[in-house]
Amino acid sequence: MKPKPFHVGVFDSGVGGLTVLKALKAELPCAQFTYLGDMARLPYGTKSHDVVVQYSLKAVEMLVSRGVDAVVIACNTASSAAVPAIQARFPTLSVLDVIGPTVSHAVKQSRAQNFLVLATERTVSSGVYTSLIQAQSPLAQVAGIATPLLVSMAEEGWREVSITDQILAHYIPKNVMDSKMDTVILGCTHFPFFEKSFRHFFGGHMNIIDSASPTAIALKRQLVSLGELNGMADLEGPYETRYLVTDSPMRFLNIASYFLKDKIYPENIEFVHFY
């Protein structure tokens, strides 16, 4: 009897986590994926800590009800606020957030150990990036700046370079731009959508680090160490990905297809409620 595919649940407040899903599917082609986009409650980045925890617990509860074996929190805001609560509520579930793998990768890539973190208001105010970076590199310099307009632009599928340049210039103070930073961390999974704009704005010398690939590699490493992928090479993947959305299925369909650069079919999208 062939083993069942390992089932990974992925959730985000909207479409940003699709950047992580794409990397996960490339790294784990024989796994099965269910993606939950909480379109009804986005953005998480402007919500209070307690509200983000509440939403995140409901999202994981929904994914667990669909039989997932592990959950990837593909949202930096939820990762910064809700991991302890999720692990306490679901103690036997493998849970991976996007921040830890991203920090480890960024610290390895940076020569100057001088970082700019672009994220949501909630993620920046949590201080999690600064604390994790300095735990690995005590002398590191870290500036965190909230850029909430970029989340709204990504959810609209709008990434005009000239507009993005103006928004970044508005948010990022001159003294930060003039500092010796060499690494920009995209601390929101929506932000890889603007990679071309970031490279234009910061110049080709800057390391631009996002969460997708480091998280996918970390999950594969974790599953291999636990023996969860034994026999998976014999499976006939890839499998259809299921998409659960809490609002606007057709809007999700249109934007998600653009994010993933792949066709998504309406029959693979399910409208769900959780309160």
C-alpha atoms as a PDB file:
ATOM      1  CA  MET A   1       0.000   0.000   0.000  1.00  0.00           C
ATOM      2  CA  LYS A   2       1.336   3.409  -0.973  1.00  0.00           C
ATOM      3  CA  PRO A   3       1.640   5.992   1.801  1.00  0.00           C
ATOM      4  CA  LYS A   4      -0.670   8.978   1.813  1.00  0.00           C
ATOM      5  CA  PRO A   5       0.918  12.271   0.792  1.00  0.00           C
ATOM      6  CA  PHE A   6       2.023  14.513   3.628  1.00  0.00           C
ATOM      7  CA  HIS A   7      -0.639  17.204   3.961  1.00  0.00           C
ATOM      8  CA  VAL A   8       0.551  20.776   4.602  1.00  0.00           C
ATOM      9  CA  GLY A   9      -1.801  23.581   5.567  1.00  0.00           C
ATOM     10  CA  VAL A  10      -0.726  27.128   4.748  1.00  0.00           C
ATOM     11  CA  PHE A  11      -2.482  30.278   5.901  1.00  0.00           C
ATOM     12  CA  ASP A  12      -2.252  34.015   5.448  1.00  0.00           C
ATOM     13  CA  SER A  13      -4.551  36.982   5.851  1.00  0.00           C
ATOM     14  CA  GLY A  14      -4.948  37.144   2.068  1.00  0.00           C
ATOM     15  CA  VAL A  15      -2.919  36.359  -1.045  1.00  0.00           C
ATOM     16  CA  GLY A  16       0.575  37.183   0.264  1.00  0.00           C
ATOM     17  CA  GLY A  17       1.146  33.679   1.595  1.00  0.00           C
ATOM     18  CA  LEU A  18       0.888  32.371  -1.956  1.00  0.00           C
ATOM     19  CA  THR A  19       4.519  33.434  -2.403  1.00  0.00           C
ATOM     20  CA  VAL A  20       5.382  30.924   0.324  1.00  0.00           C
ATOM     21  CA  LEU A  21       3.030  28.283  -1.078  1.00  0.00           C
ATOM     22  CA  LYS A  22       4.748  28.489  -4.461  1.00  0.00           C
ATOM     23  CA  ALA A  23       8.148  27.821  -2.864  1.00  0.00           C
ATOM     24  CA  LEU A  24       6.732  25.005  -0.720  1.00  0.00           C
ATOM     25  CA  LYS A  25       5.281  23.262  -3.771  1.00  0.00           C
ATOM     26  CA  ALA A  26       8.629  23.487  -5.547  1.00  0.00           C
ATOM     27  CA  GLU A  27      10.502  22.087  -2.529  1.00  0.00           C
ATOM     28  CA  LEU A  28       7.923  19.377  -1.686  1.00  0.00           C
ATOM     29  CA  PRO A  29       6.403  18.299  -5.025  1.00  0.00           C
ATOM     30  CA  CYS A  30       4.878  15.112  -3.594  1.00  0.00           C
ATOM     31  CA  ALA A  31       3.088  16.835  -0.709  1.00  0.00           C
ATOM     32  CA  GLN A  32      -0.555  17.830  -0.660  1.00  0.00           C
ATOM     33  CA  PHE A  33      -1.412  21.461   0.150  1.00  0.00           C
ATOM     34  CA  THR A  34      -4.434  23.304   1.492  1.00  0.00           C
ATOM     35  CA  TYR A  35      -4.189  27.100   1.499  1.00  0.00           C
ATOM     36  CA  LEU A  36      -6.399  29.334   3.638  1.00  0.00           C
ATOM     37  CA  GLY A  37      -6.666  33.011   2.742  1.00  0.00           C
ATOM     38  CA  ASP A  38      -8.571  34.970   5.377  1.00  0.00           C
ATOM     39  CA  MET A  39      -9.807  37.568   2.891  1.00  0.00           C
ATOM     40  CA  ALA A  40     -12.646  38.657   5.193  1.00  0.00           C
ATOM     41  CA  ARG A  41     -10.305  39.926   7.900  1.00  0.00           C
ATOM     42  CA  LEU A  42      -7.327  41.326   6.024  1.00  0.00           C
ATOM     43  CA  PRO A  43      -5.126  43.124   6.745  1.00  0.00           C
ATOM     44  CA  TYR A  44      -3.884  41.525   9.963  1.00  0.00           C
ATOM     45  CA  GLY A  45      -1.092  44.081  10.196  1.00  0.00           C
ATOM     46  CA  THR A  46      -3.277  46.859  11.616  1.00  0.00           C
ATOM     47  CA  LYS A  47      -5.036  44.654  14.189  1.00  0.00           C
ATOM     48  CA  SER A  48      -4.203  44.318  17.885  1.00  0.00           C
ATOM     49  CA  HIS A  49      -2.062  41.450  19.167  1.00  0.00           C
ATOM     50  CA  ASP A  50      -5.036  39.674  20.770  1.00  0.00           C
ATOM     51  CA  VAL A  51      -7.167  39.935  17.640  1.00  0.00           C
ATOM     52  CA  VAL A  52      -4.365  38.535  15.460  1.00  0.00           C
ATOM     53  CA  VAL A  53      -4.021  35.603  17.880  1.00  0.00           C
ATOM     54  CA  GLN A  54      -7.777  34.994  17.764  1.00  0.00           C
ATOM     55  CA  TYR A  55      -7.882  35.025  13.958  1.00  0.00           C
ATOM     56  CA  SER A  56      -4.814  32.794  13.707  1.00  0.00           C
ATOM     57  CA  LEU A  57      -6.226  30.166  16.068  1.00  0.00           C
ATOM     58  CA  LYS A  58      -9.417  30.020  14.022  1.00  0.00           C
ATOM     59  CA  ALA A  59      -7.427  29.645  10.811  1.00  0.00           C
ATOM     60  CA  VAL A  60      -5.364  26.766  12.188  1.00  0.00           C
ATOM     61  CA  GLU A  61      -8.503  25.152  13.602  1.00  0.00           C
ATOM     62  CA  MET A  62     -10.022  25.224  10.109  1.00  0.00           C
ATOM     63  CA  LEU A  63      -6.930  23.655   8.550  1.00  0.00           C
ATOM     64  CA  VAL A  64      -6.756  20.960  11.230  1.00  0.00           C
ATOM     65  CA  SER A  65     -10.394  20.116  10.491  1.00  0.00           C
ATOM     66  CA  ARG A  66      -9.252  19.413   6.905  1.00  0.00           C
ATOM     67  CA  GLY A  67      -6.744  16.841   8.096  1.00  0.00           C
ATOM     68  CA  VAL A  68      -3.448  18.664   7.665  1.00  0.00           C
ATOM     69  CA  ASP A  69      -0.296  17.139   9.150  1.00  0.00           C
ATOM     70  CA  ALA A  70       1.565  20.440   9.533  1.00  0.00           C
ATOM     71  CA  VAL A  71       0.809  24.148   9.312  1.00  0.00           C
ATOM     72  CA  VAL A  72       2.956  26.896   7.845  1.00  0.00           C
ATOM     73  CA  ILE A  73       2.038  30.346   9.129  1.00  0.00           C
ATOM     74  CA  ALA A  74       2.670  32.223   5.870  1.00  0.00           C
ATOM     75  CA  CYS A  75       1.957  35.594   7.451  1.00  0.00           C
ATOM     76  CA  ASN A  76       4.609  37.603   9.268  1.00  0.00           C
ATOM     77  CA  THR A  77       2.050  39.365  11.448  1.00  0.00           C
ATOM     78  CA  ALA A  78       0.531  36.076  12.620  1.00  0.00           C
ATOM     79  CA  SER A  79       4.035  34.627  13.007  1.00  0.00           C
ATOM     80  CA  SER A  80       5.039  37.538  15.247  1.00  0.00           C
ATOM     81  CA  ALA A  81       1.992  37.227  17.501  1.00  0.00           C
ATOM     82  CA  ALA A  82       0.368  33.822  17.493  1.00  0.00           C
ATOM     83  CA  VAL A  83       2.946  31.014  17.473  1.00  0.00           C
ATOM     84  CA  PRO A  84       2.925  30.313  21.254  1.00  0.00           C
ATOM     85  CA  ALA A  85      -0.886  30.279  21.345  1.00  0.00           C
ATOM     86  CA  ILE A  86      -1.089  27.968  18.319  1.00  0.00           C
ATOM     87  CA  GLN A  87       1.457  25.549  19.782  1.00  0.00           C
ATOM     88  CA  ALA A  88      -0.394  25.534  23.105  1.00  0.00           C
ATOM     89  CA  ARG A  89      -3.763  24.863  21.448  1.00  0.00           C
ATOM     90  CA  PHE A  90      -2.414  22.216  19.033  1.00  0.00           C
ATOM     91  CA  PRO A  91       0.525  20.594  20.877  1.00  0.00           C
ATOM     92  CA  THR A  92       0.880  17.597  18.519  1.00  0.00           C
ATOM     93  CA  LEU A  93       0.781  19.650  15.315  1.00  0.00           C
ATOM     94  CA  SER A  94       3.980  20.577  13.466  1.00  0.00           C
ATOM     95  CA  VAL A  95       3.924  24.382  13.171  1.00  0.00           C
ATOM     96  CA  LEU A  96       6.414  26.511  11.249  1.00  0.00           C
ATOM     97  CA  ASP A  97       6.382  30.294  11.067  1.00  0.00           C
ATOM     98  CA  VAL A  98       8.086  32.368   8.378  1.00  0.00           C
ATOM     99  CA  ILE A  99      10.170  34.660  10.584  1.00  0.00           C
ATOM    100  CA  GLY A 100      12.718  32.229  12.064  1.00  0.00           C
ATOM    101  CA  PRO A 101      13.914  30.782   8.733  1.00  0.00           C
ATOM    102  CA  THR A 102      13.985  34.243   7.146  1.00  0.00           C
ATOM    103  CA  VAL A 103      16.141  35.698   9.918  1.00  0.00           C
ATOM    104  CA  SER A 104      18.626  32.812   9.795  1.00  0.00           C
ATOM    105  CA  HIS A 105      18.995  33.197   6.038  1.00  0.00           C
ATOM    106  CA  ALA A 106      19.340  36.988   6.218  1.00  0.00           C
ATOM    107  CA  VAL A 107      22.042  36.882   8.898  1.00  0.00           C
ATOM    108  CA  LYS A 108      24.055  34.452   6.763  1.00  0.00           C
ATOM    109  CA  GLN A 109      23.713  36.648   3.665  1.00  0.00           C
ATOM    110  CA  SER A 110      24.600  40.016   5.217  1.00  0.00           C
ATOM    111  CA  ARG A 111      28.247  41.105   5.345  1.00  0.00           C
ATOM    112  CA  ALA A 112      27.618  44.390   7.170  1.00  0.00           C
ATOM    113  CA  GLN A 113      25.029  42.933   9.585  1.00  0.00           C
ATOM    114  CA  ASN A 114      23.004  46.082   8.963  1.00  0.00           C
ATOM    115  CA  PHE A 115      19.361  45.362   8.182  1.00  0.00           C
ATOM    116  CA  LEU A 116      16.211  47.153   7.123  1.00  0.00           C
ATOM    117  CA  VAL A 117      12.993  45.243   7.834  1.00  0.00           C
ATOM    118  CA  LEU A 118       9.925  46.307   5.851  1.00  0.00           C
ATOM    119  CA  ALA A 119       6.763  44.899   7.403  1.00  0.00           C
ATOM    120  CA  THR A 120       3.308  45.659   8.774  1.00  0.00           C
ATOM    121  CA  GLU A 121       2.694  47.897  11.769  1.00  0.00           C
ATOM    122  CA  ARG A 122       1.995  44.917  14.044  1.00  0.00           C
ATOM    123  CA  THR A 123       5.141  43.031  12.989  1.00  0.00           C
ATOM    124  CA  VAL A 124       7.381  46.073  13.402  1.00  0.00           C
ATOM    125  CA  SER A 125       5.924  46.984  16.801  1.00  0.00           C
ATOM    126  CA  SER A 126       6.452  43.413  18.049  1.00  0.00           C
ATOM    127  CA  GLY A 127      10.226  43.832  17.715  1.00  0.00           C
ATOM    128  CA  VAL A 128      10.538  40.162  16.803  1.00  0.00           C
ATOM    129  CA  TYR A 129      12.880  40.684  13.863  1.00  0.00           C
ATOM    130  CA  THR A 130      15.262  42.825  15.897  1.00  0.00           C
ATOM    131  CA  SER A 131      15.341  40.370  18.802  1.00  0.00           C
ATOM    132  CA  LEU A 132      15.870  37.297  16.605  1.00  0.00           C
ATOM    133  CA  ILE A 133      18.518  38.951  14.436  1.00  0.00           C
ATOM    134  CA  GLN A 134      20.460  40.202  17.450  1.00  0.00           C
ATOM    135  CA  ALA A 135      20.185  36.796  19.129  1.00  0.00           C
ATOM    136  CA  GLN A 136      22.203  35.425  16.194  1.00  0.00           C
ATOM    137  CA  SER A 137      24.300  38.537  15.562  1.00  0.00           C
ATOM    138  CA  PRO A 138      24.537  40.639  18.765  1.00  0.00           C
ATOM    139  CA  LEU A 139      26.176  43.650  17.101  1.00  0.00           C
ATOM    140  CA  ALA A 140      23.701  43.808  14.212  1.00  0.00           C
ATOM    141  CA  GLN A 141      21.957  47.068  13.394  1.00  0.00           C
ATOM    142  CA  VAL A 142      18.249  46.687  12.617  1.00  0.00           C
ATOM    143  CA  ALA A 143      15.761  49.312  11.455  1.00  0.00           C
ATOM    144  CA  GLY A 144      12.112  48.294  11.182  1.00  0.00           C
ATOM    145  CA  ILE A 145       9.695  50.348   9.090  1.00  0.00           C
ATOM    146  CA  ALA A 146       5.991  49.725   8.563  1.00  0.00           C
ATOM    147  CA  THR A 147       4.846  50.058   4.951  1.00  0.00           C
ATOM    148  CA  PRO A 148       1.122  49.217   5.142  1.00  0.00           C
ATOM    149  CA  LEU A 149       0.150  50.720   1.780  1.00  0.00           C
ATOM    150  CA  LEU A 150       2.134  48.014   0.011  1.00  0.00           C
ATOM    151  CA  VAL A 151      -0.150  45.333   1.473  1.00  0.00           C
ATOM    152  CA  SER A 152      -3.213  47.051   0.015  1.00  0.00           C
ATOM    153  CA  MET A 153      -1.496  47.441  -3.353  1.00  0.00           C
ATOM    154  CA  ALA A 154      -0.547  43.761  -3.449  1.00  0.00           C
ATOM    155  CA  GLU A 155      -4.097  42.694  -2.612  1.00  0.00           C
ATOM    156  CA  GLU A 156      -5.252  44.783  -5.583  1.00  0.00           C
ATOM    157  CA  GLY A 157      -2.644  43.218  -7.875  1.00  0.00           C
ATOM    158  CA  TRP A 158      -1.087  46.645  -8.480  1.00  0.00           C
ATOM    159  CA  ARG A 159       2.709  46.944  -8.629  1.00  0.00           C
ATOM    160  CA  GLU A 160       3.566  49.948 -10.783  1.00  0.00           C
ATOM    161  CA  VAL A 161       7.269  50.704 -10.161  1.00  0.00           C
ATOM    162  CA  SER A 162       6.943  54.496 -10.115  1.00  0.00           C
ATOM    163  CA  ILE A 163       4.147  54.398  -7.514  1.00  0.00           C
ATOM    164  CA  THR A 164       6.049  51.906  -5.358  1.00  0.00           C
ATOM    165  CA  ASP A 165       9.145  54.122  -5.493  1.00  0.00           C
ATOM    166  CA  GLN A 166       7.109  57.064  -4.215  1.00  0.00           C
ATOM    167  CA  ILE A 167       5.628  55.003  -1.375  1.00  0.00           C
ATOM    168  CA  LEU A 168       9.036  53.701  -0.293  1.00  0.00           C
ATOM    169  CA  ALA A 169      10.506  57.210  -0.430  1.00  0.00           C
ATOM    170  CA  HIS A 170       7.632  58.405   1.761  1.00  0.00           C
ATOM    171  CA  TYR A 171       8.104  55.699   4.402  1.00  0.00           C
ATOM    172  CA  ILE A 172      11.895  55.318   4.570  1.00  0.00           C
ATOM    173  CA  PRO A 173      13.778  58.230   6.207  1.00  0.00           C
ATOM    174  CA  LYS A 174      16.869  59.627   4.494  1.00  0.00           C
ATOM    175  CA  ASN A 175      19.126  58.675   7.413  1.00  0.00           C
ATOM    176  CA  VAL A 176      18.140  55.018   6.938  1.00  0.00           C
ATOM    177  CA  MET A 177      18.838  55.177   3.211  1.00  0.00           C
ATOM    178  CA  ASP A 178      22.204  56.817   3.946  1.00  0.00           C
ATOM    179  CA  SER A 179      23.199  54.169   6.509  1.00  0.00           C
ATOM    180  CA  LYS A 180      25.499  51.229   5.802  1.00  0.00           C
ATOM    181  CA  MET A 181      22.679  48.710   5.505  1.00  0.00           C
ATOM    182  CA  ASP A 182      23.285  45.970   2.968  1.00  0.00           C
ATOM    183  CA  THR A 183      20.242  43.747   3.524  1.00  0.00           C
ATOM    184  CA  VAL A 184      16.537  44.471   3.194  1.00  0.00           C
ATOM    185  CA  ILE A 185      14.228  41.877   4.729  1.00  0.00           C
ATOM    186  CA  LEU A 186      10.748  41.723   3.247  1.00  0.00           C
ATOM    187  CA  GLY A 187       8.920  41.078   6.514  1.00  0.00           C
ATOM    188  CA  CYS A 188       5.546  40.571   4.876  1.00  0.00           C
ATOM    189  CA  THR A 189       4.741  37.754   2.478  1.00  0.00           C
ATOM    190  CA  HIS A 190       2.916  40.194   0.185  1.00  0.00           C
ATOM    191  CA  PHE A 191       6.113  42.110  -0.538  1.00  0.00           C
ATOM    192  CA  PRO A 192       7.903  39.748  -2.988  1.00  0.00           C
ATOM    193  CA  PHE A 193       5.181  40.925  -5.368  1.00  0.00           C
ATOM    194  CA  PHE A 194       7.207  44.159  -5.575  1.00  0.00           C
ATOM    195  CA  GLU A 195      10.659  42.624  -5.956  1.00  0.00           C
ATOM    196  CA  LYS A 196      11.357  44.465  -9.216  1.00  0.00           C
ATOM    197  CA  SER A 197      10.405  47.759  -7.563  1.00  0.00           C
ATOM    198  CA  PHE A 198      12.572  47.068  -4.505  1.00  0.00           C
ATOM    199  CA  ARG A 199      15.601  46.308  -6.657  1.00  0.00           C
ATOM    200  CA  HIS A 200      14.994  49.493  -8.641  1.00  0.00           C
ATOM    201  CA  PHE A 201      14.637  51.593  -5.477  1.00  0.00           C
ATOM    202  CA  PHE A 202      17.513  50.167  -3.420  1.00  0.00           C
ATOM    203  CA  GLY A 203      19.911  49.363  -6.252  1.00  0.00           C
ATOM    204  CA  GLY A 204      21.555  46.147  -7.339  1.00  0.00           C
ATOM    205  CA  HIS A 205      24.069  46.030  -4.464  1.00  0.00           C
ATOM    206  CA  MET A 206      21.406  45.347  -1.815  1.00  0.00           C
ATOM    207  CA  ASN A 207      20.471  41.872  -0.547  1.00  0.00           C
ATOM    208  CA  ILE A 208      16.691  41.530  -0.833  1.00  0.00           C
ATOM    209  CA  ILE A 209      15.510  38.670   1.412  1.00  0.00           C
ATOM    210  CA  ASP A 210      11.980  37.286   1.436  1.00  0.00           C
ATOM    211  CA  SER A 211      10.377  34.472   3.411  1.00  0.00           C
ATOM    212  CA  ALA A 212       9.413  32.036   0.680  1.00  0.00           C
ATOM    213  CA  SER A 213      12.490  29.957  -0.090  1.00  0.00           C
ATOM    214  CA  PRO A 214      13.983  29.941   3.456  1.00  0.00           C
ATOM    215  CA  THR A 215      10.646  28.761   4.866  1.00  0.00           C
ATOM    216  CA  ALA A 216      10.220  26.016   2.267  1.00  0.00           C
ATOM    217  CA  ILE A 217      13.756  24.738   2.849  1.00  0.00           C
ATOM    218  CA  ALA A 218      13.250  24.836   6.632  1.00  0.00           C
ATOM    219  CA  LEU A 219      10.015  22.845   6.407  1.00  0.00           C
ATOM    220  CA  LYS A 220      11.594  20.183   4.204  1.00  0.00           C
ATOM    221  CA  ARG A 221      14.558  19.903   6.577  1.00  0.00           C
ATOM    222  CA  GLN A 222      12.197  19.588   9.546  1.00  0.00           C
ATOM    223  CA  LEU A 223      10.086  16.894   7.883  1.00  0.00           C
ATOM    224  CA  VAL A 224      13.134  14.920   6.761  1.00  0.00           C
ATOM    225  CA  SER A 225      14.546  14.973  10.300  1.00  0.00           C
ATOM    226  CA  LEU A 226      11.239  13.639  11.631  1.00  0.00           C
ATOM    227  CA  GLY A 227      11.052  10.921   8.970  1.00  0.00           C
ATOM    228  CA  GLU A 228       7.782  12.342   7.668  1.00  0.00           C
ATOM    229  CA  LEU A 229       8.845  12.155   4.015  1.00  0.00           C
ATOM    230  CA  ASN A 230       9.869   8.494   4.036  1.00  0.00           C
ATOM    231  CA  GLY A 231       8.320   6.839   0.992  1.00  0.00           C
ATOM    232  CA  MET A 232       7.025  10.111  -0.439  1.00  0.00           C
ATOM    233  CA  ALA A 233       9.251   9.812  -3.529  1.00  0.00           C
ATOM    234  CA  ASP A 234       7.047   6.914  -4.693  1.00  0.00           C
ATOM    235  CA  LEU A 235       3.926   9.077  -4.773  1.00  0.00           C
ATOM    236  CA  GLU A 236       2.497  10.314  -8.038  1.00  0.00           C
ATOM    237  CA  GLY A 237       2.374  14.046  -7.296  1.00  0.00           C
ATOM    238  CA  PRO A 238       1.853  16.884  -7.739  1.00  0.00           C
ATOM    239  CA  TYR A 239      -1.597  16.945  -6.152  1.00  0.00           C
ATOM    240  CA  GLU A 240      -4.351  19.483  -6.623  1.00  0.00           C
ATOM    241  CA  THR A 241      -4.057  22.329  -4.124  1.00  0.00           C
ATOM    242  CA  ARG A 242      -7.233  23.232  -2.269  1.00  0.00           C
ATOM    243  CA  TYR A 243      -7.893  26.904  -1.568  1.00  0.00           C
ATOM    244  CA  LEU A 244     -10.147  28.027   1.282  1.00  0.00           C
ATOM    245  CA  VAL A 245     -11.189  31.685   1.387  1.00  0.00           C
ATOM    246  CA  THR A 246     -13.345  33.561   3.882  1.00  0.00           C
ATOM    247  CA  ASP A 247     -14.501  36.166   1.344  1.00  0.00           C
ATOM    248  CA  SER A 248     -14.401  37.125  -2.354  1.00  0.00           C
ATOM    249  CA  PRO A 249     -13.567  33.777  -4.031  1.00  0.00           C
ATOM    250  CA  MET A 250     -13.498  35.223  -7.552  1.00  0.00           C
ATOM    251  CA  ARG A 251     -11.301  38.136  -6.517  1.00  0.00           C
ATOM    252  CA  PHE A 252      -8.966  35.654  -4.856  1.00  0.00           C
ATOM    253  CA  LEU A 253      -8.963  33.551  -8.038  1.00  0.00           C
ATOM    254  CA  ASN A 254      -7.889  36.457 -10.230  1.00  0.00           C
ATOM    255  CA  ILE A 255      -5.153  37.781  -7.946  1.00  0.00           C
ATOM    256  CA  ALA A 256      -3.897  34.335  -6.901  1.00  0.00           C
ATOM    257  CA  SER A 257      -3.397  33.235 -10.498  1.00  0.00           C
ATOM    258  CA  TYR A 258      -1.244  36.327 -11.007  1.00  0.00           C
ATOM    259  CA  PHE A 259       0.753  35.731  -7.811  1.00  0.00           C
ATOM    260  CA  LEU A 260       1.412  32.072  -8.585  1.00  0.00           C
ATOM    261  CA  LYS A 261       1.914  32.571 -12.330  1.00  0.00           C
ATOM    262  CA  ASP A 262      -0.270  29.501 -12.694  1.00  0.00           C
ATOM    263  CA  LYS A 263      -3.862  28.673 -13.535  1.00  0.00           C
ATOM    264  CA  ILE A 264      -6.213  28.187 -10.589  1.00  0.00           C
ATOM    265  CA  TYR A 265      -9.600  26.649 -11.280  1.00  0.00           C
ATOM    266  CA  PRO A 266     -12.793  27.829  -9.548  1.00  0.00           C
ATOM    267  CA  GLU A 267     -13.652  24.281  -8.485  1.00  0.00           C
ATOM    268  CA  ASN A 268     -10.508  24.226  -6.316  1.00  0.00           C
ATOM    269  CA  ILE A 269     -11.622  27.280  -4.322  1.00  0.00           C
ATOM    270  CA  GLU A 270     -14.022  26.891  -1.411  1.00  0.00           C
ATOM    271  CA  PHE A 271     -15.759  29.679   0.477  1.00  0.00           C
ATOM    272  CA  VAL A 272     -15.607  28.985   4.226  1.00  0.00           C
ATOM    273  CA  HIS A 273     -16.808  30.681   7.412  1.00  0.00           C
ATOM    274  CA  PHE A 274     -15.145  30.735  10.786  1.00  0.00           C
ATOM    275  CA  TYR A 275     -16.001  32.928  13.748  1.00  0.00           C
END
